[in-house]
Protein backbone atom coordinates (compact mmCIF):
# COMPACT_ATOMS: atom_id res chain seq x y z
CA MET A 1 18.62 -2.47 -18.96
CA LYS A 2 21.69 -0.76 -19.03
CA GLU A 3 23.91 -2.42 -15.67
CA PRO A 4 25.53 0.50 -14.02
CA ASN A 5 29.51 0.11 -13.49
CA SER A 6 30.28 -2.90 -11.18
CA GLN A 7 33.64 -0.47 -10.19
CA LEU A 8 30.79 1.53 -8.28
CA ARG A 9 29.17 -0.94 -6.22
CA GLN A 10 31.38 -0.82 -2.85
CA ILE A 11 28.72 -1.29 -0.75
CA GLY A 12 27.55 -4.83 0.25
CA LEU A 13 24.36 -6.34 2.46
CA ILE A 14 25.81 -5.31 6.13
CA GLY A 15 26.58 -1.88 5.07
CA ALA A 16 23.02 -1.31 3.30
CA THR A 17 21.84 -2.56 6.41
CA ALA A 18 23.70 -0.64 8.22
CA LEU A 19 22.06 2.33 6.34
CA VAL A 20 18.56 1.53 6.92
CA ILE A 21 18.45 1.22 10.40
CA ALA A 22 20.29 4.61 10.52
CA ASN A 23 18.32 6.05 8.73
CA MET A 24 15.30 5.05 10.61
CA ILE A 25 16.49 5.28 14.45
CA GLY A 26 16.64 9.04 14.11
CA VAL A 27 14.69 12.10 16.11
CA GLY A 28 11.00 10.48 15.65
CA ILE A 29 11.39 7.50 18.33
CA PHE A 30 12.63 9.74 20.93
CA THR A 31 10.50 12.18 20.69
CA THR A 32 7.27 11.56 19.39
CA THR A 33 5.97 9.00 21.88
CA GLY A 34 5.55 12.01 24.52
CA TYR A 35 3.20 13.82 21.87
CA LEU A 36 1.18 10.65 21.25
CA LEU A 37 0.57 10.17 25.02
CA ALA A 38 -0.71 13.49 24.84
CA ASP A 39 -3.41 13.07 21.91
CA MET A 40 -4.35 9.31 23.45
CA PRO A 41 -4.06 8.77 26.90
CA SER A 42 -4.06 4.78 26.69
CA ARG A 43 -0.44 3.33 26.48
CA GLY A 44 -1.63 0.28 25.40
CA TRP A 45 -2.86 2.05 22.30
CA VAL A 46 0.21 4.17 21.62
CA LEU A 47 2.34 1.25 21.68
CA PHE A 48 -0.31 -0.66 19.55
CA ALA A 49 0.02 2.17 17.29
CA TRP A 50 3.99 1.76 17.06
CA PHE A 51 3.48 -1.78 15.99
CA ILE A 52 0.61 -1.01 13.48
CA GLY A 53 3.29 1.97 11.80
CA GLY A 54 6.14 -1.01 11.93
CA VAL A 55 4.09 -3.15 9.61
CA MET A 56 3.22 0.17 7.15
CA ALA A 57 7.12 0.56 7.19
CA LEU A 58 7.27 -3.01 6.33
CA LEU A 59 4.57 -3.46 3.50
CA GLY A 60 6.31 -0.49 2.20
CA ALA A 61 9.87 -2.51 2.20
CA VAL A 62 8.46 -5.25 0.47
CA CYS A 63 7.09 -2.90 -2.23
CA TYR A 64 10.16 -1.12 -2.82
CA GLY A 65 12.34 -4.26 -3.03
CA ALA A 66 10.39 -5.70 -5.49
CA LEU A 67 10.79 -2.13 -7.36
CA SER A 68 14.24 -2.31 -6.53
CA GLN A 69 14.74 -5.70 -8.10
CA ARG A 70 13.56 -4.85 -11.44
CA LEU A 71 15.10 -1.11 -11.43
CA PRO A 72 18.41 -1.70 -9.66
CA GLU A 73 19.73 2.06 -10.10
CA SER A 74 20.43 5.04 -7.56
CA GLY A 75 17.70 7.86 -7.81
CA GLY A 76 15.14 6.89 -5.14
CA GLU A 77 11.76 7.61 -5.86
CA TYR A 78 12.46 9.85 -8.29
CA PHE A 79 14.02 7.43 -10.75
CA PHE A 80 11.32 4.65 -9.81
CA LEU A 81 8.27 7.34 -10.89
CA SER A 82 10.01 9.02 -13.90
CA ARG A 83 10.05 5.31 -15.53
CA THR A 84 6.98 3.55 -13.81
CA ILE A 85 4.56 6.81 -14.25
CA HIS A 86 5.69 10.09 -15.51
CA PRO A 87 8.43 12.50 -15.76
CA SER A 88 6.37 14.68 -14.19
CA VAL A 89 5.58 12.55 -10.82
CA GLY A 90 9.55 11.48 -10.56
CA TYR A 91 10.44 15.32 -10.63
CA ILE A 92 7.48 15.97 -8.07
CA SER A 93 9.06 13.48 -5.74
CA GLY A 94 12.61 14.31 -6.23
CA TRP A 95 11.37 17.79 -5.00
CA LEU A 96 9.98 15.85 -2.47
CA SER A 97 13.11 14.17 -1.40
CA LEU A 98 15.00 17.69 -1.58
CA PHE A 99 12.61 19.40 1.26
CA VAL A 100 10.87 16.32 2.70
CA GLY A 101 12.65 13.51 2.78
CA PHE A 102 16.06 14.66 3.22
CA SER A 103 16.12 18.35 4.29
CA ALA A 104 13.37 18.64 7.23
CA PRO A 105 14.49 15.01 8.84
CA ILE A 106 18.25 15.85 8.73
CA ALA A 107 17.08 19.60 10.34
CA ALA A 108 14.54 17.58 12.75
CA SER A 109 17.70 15.69 13.72
CA ALA A 110 20.43 18.15 13.95
CA TYR A 111 17.77 20.53 16.49
CA GLY A 112 17.82 17.22 18.30
CA ILE A 113 21.41 16.61 18.35
CA GLY A 114 21.84 20.12 19.76
CA VAL A 115 18.78 19.65 22.71
CA TYR A 116 20.43 16.30 24.01
CA LEU A 117 24.19 18.19 23.91
CA GLN A 118 23.17 21.30 25.82
CA PRO A 119 24.04 19.72 29.58
CA TRP A 120 27.82 19.57 27.60
CA VAL A 121 27.63 22.35 25.51
CA PHE A 122 26.97 25.35 28.50
CA GLY A 123 23.57 26.93 27.22
CA VAL A 124 24.46 27.13 23.50
CA GLU A 125 21.80 27.53 21.25
CA PRO A 126 20.39 24.27 20.23
CA ARG A 127 20.38 25.22 16.50
CA TRP A 128 23.87 26.37 16.29
CA VAL A 129 25.43 23.19 17.67
CA GLY A 130 23.03 21.44 15.12
CA THR A 131 24.71 23.42 12.26
CA PHE A 132 28.35 22.46 13.37
CA ALA A 133 27.00 18.86 13.58
CA VAL A 134 25.69 18.72 10.13
CA LEU A 135 28.96 20.88 8.72
CA LEU A 136 31.21 18.30 10.00
CA ILE A 137 29.45 14.91 9.13
CA ALA A 138 29.37 16.72 5.80
CA LEU A 139 33.48 16.95 5.63
CA VAL A 140 33.72 13.19 6.44
CA HIS A 141 31.43 12.20 3.59
CA GLY A 142 32.78 14.79 1.48
CA ALA A 143 36.30 13.04 1.59
CA GLY A 144 35.02 9.62 -0.06
CA VAL A 145 32.31 7.13 -0.08
CA ARG A 146 34.42 4.51 1.96
CA ARG A 147 35.73 6.76 4.56
CA GLY A 148 31.98 7.65 4.73
CA LEU A 149 30.71 4.05 4.95
CA LEU A 150 33.18 3.24 7.64
CA MET A 151 32.14 6.35 9.61
CA GLN A 152 28.39 4.77 9.64
CA ASN A 153 28.80 1.38 9.69
CA LEU A 154 30.94 1.51 13.30
CA MET A 155 28.57 4.43 14.57
CA VAL A 156 25.94 2.05 13.99
CA GLY A 157 27.29 -0.86 15.50
CA PHE A 158 28.30 1.32 18.47
CA LYS A 159 24.54 2.79 18.56
CA LEU A 160 23.08 -0.61 18.35
CA LEU A 161 25.53 -1.97 21.39
CA LEU A 162 24.41 1.18 23.63
CA LEU A 163 20.65 0.42 22.84
CA VAL A 164 20.57 -3.19 23.87
CA LEU A 165 22.51 -2.18 27.20
CA PHE A 166 20.12 0.46 28.15
CA LEU A 167 16.95 -1.80 26.86
CA SER A 168 18.19 -4.56 29.22
CA TRP A 169 18.73 -2.36 32.41
CA ALA A 170 15.61 -0.72 31.68
CA GLY A 171 14.01 -4.11 31.49
CA TYR A 172 15.19 -4.83 34.78
CA LYS A 173 14.30 -1.65 36.41
CA LEU A 174 10.96 -2.07 35.55
CA GLU A 175 10.49 -5.58 37.00
CA GLU A 176 9.84 -3.21 39.75
CA SER A 177 6.61 -2.14 37.84
CA VAL A 178 4.33 0.59 36.64
CA PRO A 179 0.42 -0.52 36.60
CA MET A 180 -1.44 -0.87 33.22
CA SER A 181 -3.16 2.04 31.67
CA SER A 182 -7.02 2.12 30.50
CA TRP A 183 -7.53 0.43 27.04
CA ASP A 184 -9.74 3.51 25.84
CA PHE A 185 -10.19 3.62 21.88
CA GLN A 186 -10.20 6.86 20.27
CA TYR A 187 -10.27 6.03 16.52
CA GLY A 188 -9.16 9.68 15.18
CA THR A 189 -6.39 10.60 17.06
CA PHE A 190 -4.75 6.85 16.83
CA SER A 191 -5.08 7.57 13.01
CA VAL A 192 -3.75 10.46 13.15
CA SER A 193 -1.09 9.27 15.33
CA LEU A 194 0.24 7.32 12.83
CA VAL A 195 1.63 10.18 10.80
CA TRP A 196 3.83 11.22 13.18
CA ILE A 197 4.94 7.25 13.88
CA PHE A 198 5.45 6.84 10.06
CA PHE A 199 7.71 9.57 10.39
CA ALA A 200 9.64 7.66 13.19
CA TYR A 201 9.84 4.61 10.62
CA ALA A 202 10.87 6.85 7.37
CA GLY A 203 13.90 5.38 6.30
CA TRP A 204 13.10 1.93 5.68
CA ASN A 205 13.66 2.67 1.67
CA ALA A 206 16.95 4.53 2.16
CA VAL A 207 19.11 1.73 0.15
CA VAL A 208 17.19 2.59 -2.92
CA TYR A 209 18.33 6.02 -3.34
CA ILE A 210 21.84 4.50 -3.55
CA ALA A 211 21.44 1.04 -5.36
CA GLY A 212 23.55 1.95 -7.77
CA GLU A 213 26.29 1.46 -5.41
CA ILE A 214 25.13 -1.78 -3.94
CA LYS A 215 27.02 -4.92 -4.64
CA GLU A 216 24.67 -8.05 -5.97
CA PRO A 217 21.87 -5.66 -6.00
CA ASP A 218 19.03 -8.52 -7.04
CA ARG A 219 20.06 -9.90 -3.63
CA ASN A 220 20.82 -7.15 -1.10
CA LEU A 221 18.30 -4.62 -1.93
CA SER A 222 15.50 -6.04 -0.76
CA LYS A 223 17.14 -8.00 1.95
CA SER A 224 18.94 -4.62 3.65
CA MET A 225 15.10 -3.16 3.20
CA LEU A 226 13.50 -6.17 5.18
CA ILE A 227 16.48 -7.09 7.63
CA GLY A 228 16.55 -3.40 8.62
CA THR A 229 12.92 -2.97 9.32
CA LEU A 230 12.17 -5.93 11.01
CA ALA A 231 14.80 -5.04 13.23
CA VAL A 232 14.07 -1.91 13.69
CA ILE A 233 10.06 -2.76 14.51
CA LEU A 234 11.32 -4.99 17.12
CA LEU A 235 13.76 -2.31 18.92
CA TYR A 236 11.19 0.36 18.47
CA LEU A 237 8.28 -2.18 20.38
CA VAL A 238 10.70 -2.71 23.35
CA LEU A 239 11.72 0.69 23.63
CA ASN A 240 8.42 2.50 23.60
CA ALA A 241 7.24 0.01 26.27
CA VAL A 242 10.01 1.20 28.43
CA LEU A 243 9.37 4.86 27.79
CA LEU A 244 5.86 4.26 28.11
CA TRP A 245 6.07 2.28 31.59
CA GLY A 246 9.22 3.84 32.68
CA ALA A 247 7.84 7.06 34.31
CA ASP A 248 4.43 8.61 35.49
CA PRO A 249 2.66 9.09 31.81
CA GLU A 250 2.17 12.73 33.20
CA SER A 251 6.06 13.65 33.09
CA ILE A 252 6.22 12.57 29.45
CA LYS A 253 2.73 13.77 27.90
CA GLY A 254 3.61 16.26 25.37
CA LYS A 255 7.44 16.58 26.20
CA GLU A 256 10.40 16.02 23.27
CA ASN A 257 12.86 14.58 25.24
CA VAL A 258 11.13 11.79 27.03
CA ALA A 259 14.07 9.28 26.71
CA SER A 260 15.94 11.55 29.43
CA ILE A 261 12.73 12.08 31.29
CA VAL A 262 11.82 8.01 31.28
CA ALA A 263 15.98 7.42 32.24
CA GLU A 264 16.11 9.99 35.05
CA SER A 265 13.25 8.57 36.73
CA LEU A 266 14.40 4.91 36.57
CA GLY A 267 17.97 5.91 37.30
CA GLY A 268 18.47 9.33 38.34
CA THR A 269 20.71 11.91 36.37
CA ARG A 270 23.80 9.56 35.64
CA MET A 271 21.74 6.99 33.41
CA ALA A 272 19.71 10.57 32.20
CA GLY A 273 23.30 11.91 30.60
CA PHE A 274 24.03 8.42 29.42
CA ILE A 275 20.74 7.88 27.34
CA SER A 276 21.48 11.41 25.99
CA PHE A 277 24.60 10.96 24.73
CA LEU A 278 23.40 7.31 23.26
CA ILE A 279 20.52 9.91 21.65
CA VAL A 280 23.09 11.97 20.55
CA VAL A 281 24.91 9.19 18.37
CA SER A 282 21.28 8.03 16.86
CA LEU A 283 21.07 11.24 15.46
CA THR A 284 24.29 11.31 14.20
CA THR A 285 23.97 8.39 12.21
CA SER A 286 20.84 9.41 11.27
CA VAL A 287 21.93 12.70 9.86
CA SER A 288 25.21 11.02 8.24
CA ALA A 289 22.75 8.15 6.59
CA MET A 290 20.61 10.96 4.94
CA LEU A 291 23.48 13.36 4.10
CA MET A 292 25.03 10.21 2.16
CA ALA A 293 21.77 9.11 0.23
CA GLY A 294 20.22 12.69 -0.56
CA PRO A 295 22.78 13.64 -2.94
CA ARG A 296 22.51 10.32 -5.11
CA VAL A 297 18.64 12.05 -5.78
CA TYR A 298 20.20 14.85 -7.45
CA ALA A 299 22.70 13.66 -9.52
CA LYS A 300 19.97 11.18 -10.77
CA MET A 301 17.84 14.84 -11.68
CA ALA A 302 21.14 16.21 -12.92
CA GLU A 303 21.42 12.89 -14.96
CA ASP A 304 17.81 13.39 -16.66
CA GLY A 305 18.43 17.50 -16.85
CA TYR A 306 16.14 18.72 -14.30
CA LEU A 307 19.33 20.11 -12.24
CA PRO A 308 22.46 21.44 -13.37
CA SER A 309 25.09 19.27 -15.48
CA PHE A 310 27.92 19.93 -12.52
CA MET A 311 25.94 17.95 -10.30
CA LYS A 312 25.70 14.63 -12.05
CA SER A 313 28.37 13.04 -9.64
CA PRO A 314 27.46 12.61 -5.89
CA ASN A 315 30.78 12.00 -5.13
CA PRO A 316 33.79 13.98 -4.55
CA PRO A 317 35.33 15.89 -6.39
CA GLY A 318 31.79 16.62 -7.47
CA CYS A 319 30.45 17.68 -4.16
CA SER A 320 27.80 20.56 -5.18
CA ASN A 321 25.17 18.57 -4.84
CA MET A 322 25.90 18.24 -1.05
CA VAL A 323 26.43 21.74 -0.85
CA PHE A 324 23.04 22.31 -2.22
CA GLN A 325 21.52 20.23 0.62
CA LEU A 326 23.32 21.73 2.91
CA VAL A 327 22.15 25.18 1.98
CA VAL A 328 18.36 24.09 2.45
CA VAL A 329 19.11 22.05 5.80
CA LEU A 330 20.65 24.90 7.23
CA LEU A 331 17.41 27.09 6.45
CA MET A 332 14.98 24.68 7.70
CA LEU A 333 16.94 23.95 10.93
CA TRP A 334 16.66 27.51 12.05
CA ILE A 335 12.67 27.39 11.71
CA PRO A 336 10.80 26.62 14.55
CA ARG A 337 7.86 24.50 15.57
CA PHE A 338 8.83 21.12 15.58
CA ARG A 339 5.44 19.54 16.02
CA ASP A 340 4.36 20.98 13.03
CA LEU A 341 7.80 19.98 11.27
CA ILE A 342 6.82 16.32 11.57
CA THR A 343 3.41 16.39 11.30
CA TYR A 344 4.56 17.93 7.72
CA ILE A 345 7.29 15.12 6.60
CA GLY A 346 4.69 12.40 8.00
CA PHE A 347 2.12 13.29 5.82
CA THR A 348 4.39 14.42 2.81
CA LEU A 349 6.47 10.97 2.87
CA GLY A 350 3.12 8.97 3.04
CA ILE A 351 1.90 10.68 -0.38
CA GLY A 352 5.50 10.43 -2.00
CA THR A 353 5.43 6.63 -1.13
CA ALA A 354 2.07 5.81 -1.79
CA LEU A 355 2.75 7.30 -5.33
CA THR A 356 5.70 5.09 -5.73
CA VAL A 357 3.98 1.77 -5.10
CA VAL A 358 1.14 2.92 -7.47
CA GLY A 359 3.99 3.00 -9.94
CA LEU A 360 4.67 -0.67 -8.92
CA VAL A 361 1.33 -1.85 -9.68
CA ARG A 362 1.46 -0.06 -12.92
CA LEU A 363 4.97 -1.51 -13.50
CA LYS A 364 3.35 -4.95 -12.18
CA ARG A 365 0.18 -4.94 -14.64
CA LYS A 366 2.69 -4.05 -17.59
CA GLU A 367 5.06 -6.94 -17.49
CA GLY A 368 2.53 -9.51 -15.98
CA ALA A 369 4.11 -13.09 -15.15
CA SER A 370 7.81 -11.74 -15.78
CA MET A 371 8.26 -9.59 -12.67
CA HIS A 372 7.43 -10.84 -9.25
CA VAL A 373 6.13 -9.14 -6.17
CA PRO A 374 5.77 -11.21 -3.17
CA GLY A 375 2.21 -11.23 -1.83
CA TRP A 376 0.94 -9.37 -4.99
CA PRO A 377 -1.82 -8.13 -5.21
CA VAL A 378 -2.21 -7.87 -1.48
CA ILE A 379 0.37 -6.43 0.28
CA PRO A 380 0.60 -3.51 -2.62
CA PHE A 381 -2.92 -2.73 -2.46
CA LEU A 382 -2.86 -2.51 1.69
CA PHE A 383 -0.38 -0.63 2.09
CA LEU A 384 -2.60 2.01 -0.22
CA LEU A 385 -5.30 1.68 1.82
CA MET A 386 -3.00 2.25 4.87
CA VAL A 387 -1.82 5.15 3.88
CA LEU A 388 -4.82 6.68 2.48
CA TRP A 389 -6.57 6.01 5.75
CA VAL A 390 -3.52 8.33 7.30
CA THR A 391 -3.76 10.93 4.71
CA VAL A 392 -7.35 11.27 5.08
CA PHE A 393 -7.51 11.61 8.99
CA SER A 394 -3.99 14.06 8.81
CA ILE A 395 -5.93 16.38 6.86
CA ARG A 396 -9.22 16.51 8.93
CA ASN A 397 -7.58 16.57 12.50
CA ASN A 398 -4.20 18.64 11.36
CA PRO A 399 -5.09 21.18 8.39
CA PHE A 400 -2.32 23.23 8.35
CA PRO A 401 0.59 20.87 8.28
CA SER A 402 -1.29 18.87 5.77
CA PHE A 403 -2.40 21.55 3.84
CA LEU A 404 1.76 22.74 3.46
CA GLY A 405 2.39 19.08 2.44
CA LEU A 406 -0.36 19.45 -0.49
CA LEU A 407 1.00 23.04 -1.34
CA THR A 408 4.77 21.50 -1.74
CA LEU A 409 3.48 18.54 -3.82
CA LEU A 410 1.74 22.12 -5.87
CA GLY A 411 5.31 23.57 -5.75
CA GLY A 412 6.86 20.89 -7.21
CA TRP A 413 4.51 20.51 -10.34
CA VAL A 414 4.89 24.33 -11.36
CA ALA A 415 8.70 23.57 -10.79
CA TRP A 416 8.17 20.89 -13.08
CA TRP A 417 6.30 22.64 -15.54
CA ILE A 418 8.30 25.81 -15.90
CA GLN A 419 11.23 23.88 -16.42
CA GLU A 420 9.55 21.90 -19.63
CA LYS A 421 8.19 25.42 -20.94
CA ALA A 422 11.72 26.54 -20.87
CA LYS A 423 13.15 23.47 -22.53
CA GLU A 424 10.24 23.83 -25.37
CA ARG A 425 11.41 27.55 -25.53
CA ASN A 426 15.04 26.88 -26.06
CA ASN A 427 14.42 23.86 -28.55
CA SER A 428 11.97 26.29 -30.71
CA SER A 429 15.06 28.81 -30.99
């Protein structure tokens, strides 16, 4: 296989791991627990659901690590599926990346920035604040890979420091104790909760979108995904324990600003202000990481002839794909109904990652012993079974956003078919 130009490989293990962590710690962890508690009244089962979601993310990271070692180029699911299943499936995944993988989560995170900055921006509409934040971050990345990466690494380090400080303080305060809740189990709601949690864990695959820019990809791609995912699983479990037992459950059920409510319950308005600032930093790094990764997918699609040729470069001066990304993000930012948005994202991303693991299974069966897949065949098939389980219950319990997800998949196939027919007509003429 042709090795991408080594001069393009500027991102080491620390930078790659920081990108994974930044992508994962986004709006989901600070908003979904309130929704989960409203549908699943046992705090114990909510925390267990976060553990199962972490297991799913870890299994996915192992599978993607095996694929990235065999196919160490940028492009993510689009590149993997184009080479392992069929160009049409790759195109559909690239379509999903545009709308679901990057644009929708960026829009959700930008909206969260606006919500949590409300005390400091004198009541300005959150979507306007989010719009300004996205444009500012895009300008930094537009200035070059090194500047964007430096900003990313510094902010991830700062974010983790603030989170550790908050969790240490909250753990001390929780010693004053809150009684345990009941452990009544509700199978259907537990299964559906994993859709939202899958969204909150999304980002464990972030480095595969920029694989062509990672130093020593054979070692660093899989290692960064595993280290980053394990770190976030631990962080999420501790943080959710604080969120679930740090305040009266009734005060956070169905609420988006769960972290602020809990912080105010534990430490008053000053602590609520501190946690709001922490969340803004977290969401900023999440937006930054996704704005960095997304244009790489579109560049790979342009190389394969599915997007205009001027989008082949993801870096300055070829910033066309960044602008392309921003247009879609800003359109989605101004769409309401946040709860349905995260259901739509989680459901559709689950299908996209499952297809990628199917591609891994096909490639492994083709190449046999020459291709190493850790835990083969248990890990890939267990991941696929878990995604199937969540998908079935999501369709049953949340039909509307699930239908939108399936419609997005269909739209991607139709767009690919139209492009292929146009190519055939051009070639025949």
